[in-house]
Amino acid sequence: MIHEVDEVLKGLLTGGVLAGTDIEVAFDAPTREWAARRNAPALNAFLYDIREDVKRRERGSLPVHDDRGIVIRRRRPPRWFRLSYLVTAWTKRPQDEHRLLSAALATLLPNELLPPESLPDSLAALGLSVPLTVGGLHTDSRSMSEVWSALGGELKPSLDLVVTVPFPGFPDYDAGPPVTEGAVVRAREIEGPPDDERAHLPRHLTGATPPAQDTREAEEAR
């Protein structure tokens, strides 16, 4: 999924305000060695952190439908991961880098929720929109200065871009056959106990007619 998110970001950054330009979009670590090889304007989106968004974790299972809307499989809910990118601009002059960052910001802001139809097939198949946050508050324990220090480079203006992407849950489970009939209630007569057992049952349970003597005694008692 990560390489597919890279392709989505590359399509976004080369479109919008930057459409028709020859700006290169790279995903390399912006080290000093990499910067020394730059001879043309470029935007770099370096993936520096991957971690699960545990607040989005779900339990249970989700139905998978076919073209007719029939449930054919069930799968676990996807796990959501936050992919954090460090977006920087590289030109000969700081003013041009600022213009590039401004153009990138103007291109990304209208796309803070990517619908399924704008995603690659494997992501679109989940039917989920992907949130994209740019320039948000950095709440992780790792600061941007620590990232630059780890890269061995000098601190530069940058955009913190976070894409929260679903990763499919596996495996899928086959669902049972679809129900094609409504509920049916069937009734039948319950056979009584054998005659030898009926003899030991009270008369009001067997339905037998009391003898005439018993009837007379009951009338006299009444």
C-alpha atoms as a PDB file:
ATOM      1  CA  MET A   1       0.000   0.000   0.000  1.00  0.00           C
ATOM      2  CA  ILE A   2       2.854   2.400   0.701  1.00  0.00           C
ATOM      3  CA  HIS A   3       4.104   2.502  -2.884  1.00  0.00           C
ATOM      4  CA  GLU A   4       0.539   3.156  -4.056  1.00  0.00           C
ATOM      5  CA  VAL A   5       0.264   6.128  -1.690  1.00  0.00           C
ATOM      6  CA  ASP A   6       3.532   7.393  -3.194  1.00  0.00           C
ATOM      7  CA  GLU A   7       1.951   7.285  -6.650  1.00  0.00           C
ATOM      8  CA  VAL A   8      -1.126   9.155  -5.406  1.00  0.00           C
ATOM      9  CA  LEU A   9       1.047  11.894  -3.895  1.00  0.00           C
ATOM     10  CA  LYS A  10       3.156  12.145  -7.034  1.00  0.00           C
ATOM     11  CA  GLY A  11       0.005  12.632  -9.096  1.00  0.00           C
ATOM     12  CA  LEU A  12      -1.232  15.333  -6.717  1.00  0.00           C
ATOM     13  CA  LEU A  13       2.062  17.234  -6.539  1.00  0.00           C
ATOM     14  CA  THR A  14       2.527  17.253 -10.314  1.00  0.00           C
ATOM     15  CA  GLY A  15      -1.033  18.471 -10.840  1.00  0.00           C
ATOM     16  CA  GLY A  16      -2.993  21.452  -9.621  1.00  0.00           C
ATOM     17  CA  VAL A  17      -0.909  24.614  -9.513  1.00  0.00           C
ATOM     18  CA  LEU A  18       2.186  22.722 -10.714  1.00  0.00           C
ATOM     19  CA  ALA A  19       0.490  21.128 -13.740  1.00  0.00           C
ATOM     20  CA  GLY A  20       2.526  21.561 -16.925  1.00  0.00           C
ATOM     21  CA  THR A  21       5.791  22.309 -15.134  1.00  0.00           C
ATOM     22  CA  ASP A  22       8.941  20.192 -15.181  1.00  0.00           C
ATOM     23  CA  ILE A  23       9.179  19.965 -11.392  1.00  0.00           C
ATOM     24  CA  GLU A  24      10.612  16.603 -10.323  1.00  0.00           C
ATOM     25  CA  VAL A  25       8.921  14.749  -7.426  1.00  0.00           C
ATOM     26  CA  ALA A  26      11.282  12.504  -5.479  1.00  0.00           C
ATOM     27  CA  PHE A  27      10.856  10.227  -2.448  1.00  0.00           C
ATOM     28  CA  ASP A  28      14.533   9.899  -1.467  1.00  0.00           C
ATOM     29  CA  ALA A  29      15.989  10.741   1.903  1.00  0.00           C
ATOM     30  CA  PRO A  30      17.049  14.420   1.574  1.00  0.00           C
ATOM     31  CA  THR A  31      20.626  13.902   2.714  1.00  0.00           C
ATOM     32  CA  ARG A  32      23.522  16.194   1.847  1.00  0.00           C
ATOM     33  CA  GLU A  33      24.712  13.740  -0.783  1.00  0.00           C
ATOM     34  CA  TRP A  34      21.282  13.688  -2.443  1.00  0.00           C
ATOM     35  CA  ALA A  35      21.039  17.497  -2.338  1.00  0.00           C
ATOM     36  CA  ALA A  36      24.450  17.832  -3.966  1.00  0.00           C
ATOM     37  CA  ARG A  37      23.223  15.890  -6.997  1.00  0.00           C
ATOM     38  CA  ARG A  38      20.261  18.210  -7.627  1.00  0.00           C
ATOM     39  CA  ASN A  39      20.590  20.256 -10.801  1.00  0.00           C
ATOM     40  CA  ALA A  40      16.880  21.051 -11.366  1.00  0.00           C
ATOM     41  CA  PRO A  41      13.965  22.232  -9.205  1.00  0.00           C
ATOM     42  CA  ALA A  42      12.426  19.382  -7.226  1.00  0.00           C
ATOM     43  CA  LEU A  43       9.891  18.545  -4.536  1.00  0.00           C
ATOM     44  CA  ASN A  44      10.875  15.797  -2.147  1.00  0.00           C
ATOM     45  CA  ALA A  45       8.333  13.800  -0.129  1.00  0.00           C
ATOM     46  CA  PHE A  46      10.406  11.728   2.296  1.00  0.00           C
ATOM     47  CA  LEU A  47       8.499   9.075   4.257  1.00  0.00           C
ATOM     48  CA  TYR A  48      10.017   9.378   7.732  1.00  0.00           C
ATOM     49  CA  ASP A  49       7.448   7.671   9.987  1.00  0.00           C
ATOM     50  CA  ILE A  50       4.896   4.833   9.818  1.00  0.00           C
ATOM     51  CA  ARG A  51       2.629   3.986  12.728  1.00  0.00           C
ATOM     52  CA  GLU A  52      -0.857   2.612  13.307  1.00  0.00           C
ATOM     53  CA  ASP A  53      -3.744   4.924  14.127  1.00  0.00           C
ATOM     54  CA  VAL A  54      -5.097   2.782  16.969  1.00  0.00           C
ATOM     55  CA  LYS A  55      -8.125   5.055  17.424  1.00  0.00           C
ATOM     56  CA  ARG A  56      -9.477   3.707  14.133  1.00  0.00           C
ATOM     57  CA  ARG A  57      -9.047   0.028  14.990  1.00  0.00           C
ATOM     58  CA  GLU A  58     -12.297  -1.964  14.767  1.00  0.00           C
ATOM     59  CA  ARG A  59     -13.385  -5.433  15.809  1.00  0.00           C
ATOM     60  CA  GLY A  60     -15.716  -7.971  14.203  1.00  0.00           C
ATOM     61  CA  SER A  61     -16.065  -8.598  10.481  1.00  0.00           C
ATOM     62  CA  LEU A  62     -17.225  -6.748   7.365  1.00  0.00           C
ATOM     63  CA  PRO A  63     -19.377  -8.205   4.544  1.00  0.00           C
ATOM     64  CA  VAL A  64     -18.008  -8.465   1.014  1.00  0.00           C
ATOM     65  CA  HIS A  65     -20.695  -8.190  -1.701  1.00  0.00           C
ATOM     66  CA  ASP A  66     -20.714  -9.342  -5.293  1.00  0.00           C
ATOM     67  CA  ASP A  67     -22.157  -7.422  -8.250  1.00  0.00           C
ATOM     68  CA  ARG A  68     -25.691  -8.438  -7.230  1.00  0.00           C
ATOM     69  CA  GLY A  69     -25.269  -7.193  -3.673  1.00  0.00           C
ATOM     70  CA  ILE A  70     -25.122 -10.692  -2.182  1.00  0.00           C
ATOM     71  CA  VAL A  71     -22.716 -11.296   0.687  1.00  0.00           C
ATOM     72  CA  ILE A  72     -20.131 -13.806  -0.564  1.00  0.00           C
ATOM     73  CA  ARG A  73     -17.320 -13.351   1.988  1.00  0.00           C
ATOM     74  CA  ARG A  74     -16.515 -11.724   5.284  1.00  0.00           C
ATOM     75  CA  ARG A  75     -13.252 -10.069   6.225  1.00  0.00           C
ATOM     76  CA  ARG A  76     -11.707  -8.366   9.176  1.00  0.00           C
ATOM     77  CA  PRO A  77     -11.882  -4.546   9.284  1.00  0.00           C
ATOM     78  CA  PRO A  78      -8.820  -2.808   7.809  1.00  0.00           C
ATOM     79  CA  ARG A  79      -6.051  -1.477  10.002  1.00  0.00           C
ATOM     80  CA  TRP A  80      -5.327   2.236   9.507  1.00  0.00           C
ATOM     81  CA  PHE A  81      -1.747   3.519   9.353  1.00  0.00           C
ATOM     82  CA  ARG A  82      -0.430   7.075   9.458  1.00  0.00           C
ATOM     83  CA  LEU A  83       2.220   7.667   6.797  1.00  0.00           C
ATOM     84  CA  SER A  84       4.149  10.850   7.634  1.00  0.00           C
ATOM     85  CA  TYR A  85       6.004  12.613   4.818  1.00  0.00           C
ATOM     86  CA  LEU A  86       8.492  15.455   5.014  1.00  0.00           C
ATOM     87  CA  VAL A  87       7.817  17.631   1.947  1.00  0.00           C
ATOM     88  CA  THR A  88      10.653  19.975   0.989  1.00  0.00           C
ATOM     89  CA  ALA A  89      11.495  22.120  -2.040  1.00  0.00           C
ATOM     90  CA  TRP A  90      14.918  22.204  -3.670  1.00  0.00           C
ATOM     91  CA  THR A  91      16.062  25.027  -5.969  1.00  0.00           C
ATOM     92  CA  LYS A  92      18.994  27.414  -6.218  1.00  0.00           C
ATOM     93  CA  ARG A  93      17.338  30.230  -4.267  1.00  0.00           C
ATOM     94  CA  PRO A  94      15.327  30.194  -1.019  1.00  0.00           C
ATOM     95  CA  GLN A  95      12.661  32.436  -2.595  1.00  0.00           C
ATOM     96  CA  ASP A  96      12.026  29.856  -5.309  1.00  0.00           C
ATOM     97  CA  GLU A  97      11.816  27.099  -2.711  1.00  0.00           C
ATOM     98  CA  HIS A  98       9.184  29.095  -0.861  1.00  0.00           C
ATOM     99  CA  ARG A  99       7.196  29.485  -4.085  1.00  0.00           C
ATOM    100  CA  LEU A 100       7.375  25.735  -4.642  1.00  0.00           C
ATOM    101  CA  LEU A 101       6.186  25.012  -1.101  1.00  0.00           C
ATOM    102  CA  SER A 102       3.353  27.493  -1.546  1.00  0.00           C
ATOM    103  CA  ALA A 103       2.322  25.786  -4.789  1.00  0.00           C
ATOM    104  CA  ALA A 104       2.465  22.366  -3.102  1.00  0.00           C
ATOM    105  CA  LEU A 105       0.333  23.638  -0.229  1.00  0.00           C
ATOM    106  CA  ALA A 106      -2.233  25.121  -2.626  1.00  0.00           C
ATOM    107  CA  THR A 107      -2.356  21.795  -4.476  1.00  0.00           C
ATOM    108  CA  LEU A 108      -2.724  19.573  -1.404  1.00  0.00           C
ATOM    109  CA  LEU A 109      -5.223  21.575   0.662  1.00  0.00           C
ATOM    110  CA  PRO A 110      -8.234  20.961  -1.654  1.00  0.00           C
ATOM    111  CA  ASN A 111      -7.493  17.214  -1.502  1.00  0.00           C
ATOM    112  CA  GLU A 112      -7.694  16.591   2.232  1.00  0.00           C
ATOM    113  CA  LEU A 113     -10.137  13.714   1.662  1.00  0.00           C
ATOM    114  CA  LEU A 114      -9.328  11.389  -1.221  1.00  0.00           C
ATOM    115  CA  PRO A 115     -12.438   9.502  -2.467  1.00  0.00           C
ATOM    116  CA  PRO A 116     -12.160   5.812  -3.442  1.00  0.00           C
ATOM    117  CA  GLU A 117     -12.441   6.547  -7.168  1.00  0.00           C
ATOM    118  CA  SER A 118      -9.230   8.624  -7.066  1.00  0.00           C
ATOM    119  CA  LEU A 119      -7.213   5.807  -5.460  1.00  0.00           C
ATOM    120  CA  PRO A 120      -5.387   2.824  -7.003  1.00  0.00           C
ATOM    121  CA  ASP A 121      -7.422  -0.332  -7.541  1.00  0.00           C
ATOM    122  CA  SER A 122      -6.348  -2.183  -4.404  1.00  0.00           C
ATOM    123  CA  LEU A 123      -7.237   0.809  -2.214  1.00  0.00           C
ATOM    124  CA  ALA A 124     -10.366   1.706  -4.166  1.00  0.00           C
ATOM    125  CA  ALA A 125     -11.641  -1.867  -3.688  1.00  0.00           C
ATOM    126  CA  LEU A 126     -12.037  -1.156   0.040  1.00  0.00           C
ATOM    127  CA  GLY A 127     -14.554   1.602  -0.733  1.00  0.00           C
ATOM    128  CA  LEU A 128     -13.031   3.929   1.880  1.00  0.00           C
ATOM    129  CA  SER A 129     -11.962   7.555   1.615  1.00  0.00           C
ATOM    130  CA  VAL A 130      -8.390   8.364   2.641  1.00  0.00           C
ATOM    131  CA  PRO A 131      -7.784  11.479   4.786  1.00  0.00           C
ATOM    132  CA  LEU A 132      -4.773  13.663   4.036  1.00  0.00           C
ATOM    133  CA  THR A 133      -3.523  16.273   6.515  1.00  0.00           C
ATOM    134  CA  VAL A 134      -0.928  18.857   5.541  1.00  0.00           C
ATOM    135  CA  GLY A 135       0.828  21.280   7.868  1.00  0.00           C
ATOM    136  CA  GLY A 136      -0.970  19.990  10.949  1.00  0.00           C
ATOM    137  CA  LEU A 137       0.194  20.215  14.550  1.00  0.00           C
ATOM    138  CA  HIS A 138       3.135  17.875  15.103  1.00  0.00           C
ATOM    139  CA  THR A 139       2.187  15.847  18.184  1.00  0.00           C
ATOM    140  CA  ASP A 140       4.628  12.927  17.891  1.00  0.00           C
ATOM    141  CA  SER A 141       7.584  12.622  20.206  1.00  0.00           C
ATOM    142  CA  ARG A 142      10.028  13.024  17.298  1.00  0.00           C
ATOM    143  CA  SER A 143      10.535  16.682  16.329  1.00  0.00           C
ATOM    144  CA  MET A 144      11.433  17.926  12.862  1.00  0.00           C
ATOM    145  CA  SER A 145      14.849  19.023  14.077  1.00  0.00           C
ATOM    146  CA  GLU A 146      15.543  15.439  15.171  1.00  0.00           C
ATOM    147  CA  VAL A 147      14.515  14.164  11.734  1.00  0.00           C
ATOM    148  CA  TRP A 148      16.898  16.577  10.021  1.00  0.00           C
ATOM    149  CA  SER A 149      19.644  15.688  12.467  1.00  0.00           C
ATOM    150  CA  ALA A 150      19.181  11.988  11.674  1.00  0.00           C
ATOM    151  CA  LEU A 151      19.393  12.794   7.942  1.00  0.00           C
ATOM    152  CA  GLY A 152      22.649  14.653   8.459  1.00  0.00           C
ATOM    153  CA  GLY A 153      21.377  17.737   6.690  1.00  0.00           C
ATOM    154  CA  GLU A 154      20.611  21.334   7.561  1.00  0.00           C
ATOM    155  CA  LEU A 155      17.136  22.329   8.682  1.00  0.00           C
ATOM    156  CA  LYS A 156      14.945  23.547   5.793  1.00  0.00           C
ATOM    157  CA  PRO A 157      11.354  24.835   5.534  1.00  0.00           C
ATOM    158  CA  SER A 158       9.061  21.846   5.088  1.00  0.00           C
ATOM    159  CA  LEU A 159       5.460  20.682   5.071  1.00  0.00           C
ATOM    160  CA  ASP A 160       4.454  17.844   7.375  1.00  0.00           C
ATOM    161  CA  LEU A 161       2.106  15.661   5.294  1.00  0.00           C
ATOM    162  CA  VAL A 162       0.199  12.783   6.900  1.00  0.00           C
ATOM    163  CA  VAL A 163      -1.815  10.259   4.878  1.00  0.00           C
ATOM    164  CA  THR A 164      -3.944   7.875   6.952  1.00  0.00           C
ATOM    165  CA  VAL A 165      -4.373   4.806   4.776  1.00  0.00           C
ATOM    166  CA  PRO A 166      -6.299   1.550   5.377  1.00  0.00           C
ATOM    167  CA  PHE A 167      -4.425  -1.732   5.135  1.00  0.00           C
ATOM    168  CA  PRO A 168      -6.728  -4.678   4.296  1.00  0.00           C
ATOM    169  CA  GLY A 169      -7.388  -7.243   6.995  1.00  0.00           C
ATOM    170  CA  PHE A 170      -6.711 -10.877   6.090  1.00  0.00           C
ATOM    171  CA  PRO A 171      -7.824 -13.577   5.667  1.00  0.00           C
ATOM    172  CA  ASP A 172     -11.285 -13.509   4.071  1.00  0.00           C
ATOM    173  CA  TYR A 173     -13.888 -16.006   5.229  1.00  0.00           C
ATOM    174  CA  ASP A 174     -16.468 -17.579   2.930  1.00  0.00           C
ATOM    175  CA  ALA A 175     -20.020 -16.650   3.864  1.00  0.00           C
ATOM    176  CA  GLY A 176     -22.865 -19.160   4.016  1.00  0.00           C
ATOM    177  CA  PRO A 177     -25.355 -19.491   1.141  1.00  0.00           C
ATOM    178  CA  PRO A 178     -27.802 -16.584   0.847  1.00  0.00           C
ATOM    179  CA  VAL A 179     -31.296 -16.904   2.337  1.00  0.00           C
ATOM    180  CA  THR A 180     -33.789 -17.033  -0.546  1.00  0.00           C
ATOM    181  CA  GLU A 181     -37.007 -17.864   1.350  1.00  0.00           C
ATOM    182  CA  GLY A 182     -38.887 -16.133   4.094  1.00  0.00           C
ATOM    183  CA  ALA A 183     -39.584 -17.663   7.468  1.00  0.00           C
ATOM    184  CA  VAL A 184     -41.990 -20.646   7.349  1.00  0.00           C
ATOM    185  CA  VAL A 185     -44.013 -21.974  10.291  1.00  0.00           C
ATOM    186  CA  ARG A 186     -45.111 -25.603  10.070  1.00  0.00           C
ATOM    187  CA  ALA A 187     -47.563 -27.269  12.497  1.00  0.00           C
ATOM    188  CA  ARG A 188     -48.461 -30.962  12.929  1.00  0.00           C
ATOM    189  CA  GLU A 189     -50.518 -33.051  15.303  1.00  0.00           C
ATOM    190  CA  ILE A 190     -48.640 -34.454  18.252  1.00  0.00           C
ATOM    191  CA  GLU A 191     -49.420 -38.110  18.860  1.00  0.00           C
ATOM    192  CA  GLY A 192     -50.504 -39.023  22.363  1.00  0.00           C
ATOM    193  CA  PRO A 193     -48.808 -41.606  24.617  1.00  0.00           C
ATOM    194  CA  PRO A 194     -49.506 -45.340  24.139  1.00  0.00           C
ATOM    195  CA  ASP A 195     -52.692 -46.814  25.669  1.00  0.00           C
ATOM    196  CA  ASP A 196     -50.849 -48.549  28.504  1.00  0.00           C
ATOM    197  CA  GLU A 197     -49.399 -45.196  29.558  1.00  0.00           C
ATOM    198  CA  ARG A 198     -52.712 -43.374  29.184  1.00  0.00           C
ATOM    199  CA  ALA A 199     -54.202 -45.645  31.866  1.00  0.00           C
ATOM    200  CA  HIS A 200     -51.955 -44.043  34.480  1.00  0.00           C
ATOM    201  CA  LEU A 201     -52.741 -40.467  33.484  1.00  0.00           C
ATOM    202  CA  PRO A 202     -55.442 -38.358  35.188  1.00  0.00           C
ATOM    203  CA  ARG A 203     -58.725 -38.342  33.297  1.00  0.00           C
ATOM    204  CA  HIS A 204     -58.642 -34.593  32.678  1.00  0.00           C
ATOM    205  CA  LEU A 205     -55.393 -35.124  30.735  1.00  0.00           C
ATOM    206  CA  THR A 206     -56.508 -38.130  28.726  1.00  0.00           C
ATOM    207  CA  GLY A 207     -59.859 -36.687  27.640  1.00  0.00           C
ATOM    208  CA  ALA A 208     -61.671 -39.886  28.716  1.00  0.00           C
ATOM    209  CA  THR A 209     -65.402 -39.686  29.666  1.00  0.00           C
ATOM    210  CA  PRO A 210     -65.887 -40.431  33.399  1.00  0.00           C
ATOM    211  CA  PRO A 211     -68.007 -43.500  34.242  1.00  0.00           C
ATOM    212  CA  ALA A 212     -71.684 -42.942  35.036  1.00  0.00           C
ATOM    213  CA  GLN A 213     -71.168 -43.772  38.735  1.00  0.00           C
ATOM    214  CA  ASP A 214     -68.538 -41.150  39.061  1.00  0.00           C
ATOM    215  CA  THR A 215     -70.860 -38.711  37.346  1.00  0.00           C
ATOM    216  CA  ARG A 216     -73.697 -39.460  39.788  1.00  0.00           C
ATOM    217  CA  GLU A 217     -71.401 -39.109  42.748  1.00  0.00           C
ATOM    218  CA  ALA A 218     -70.283 -35.779  41.456  1.00  0.00           C
ATOM    219  CA  GLU A 219     -73.869 -34.601  41.018  1.00  0.00           C
ATOM    220  CA  GLU A 220     -74.888 -35.759  44.530  1.00  0.00           C
ATOM    221  CA  ALA A 221     -71.882 -34.028  46.001  1.00  0.00           C
ATOM    222  CA  ARG A 222     -72.882 -30.890  44.168  1.00  0.00           C
END
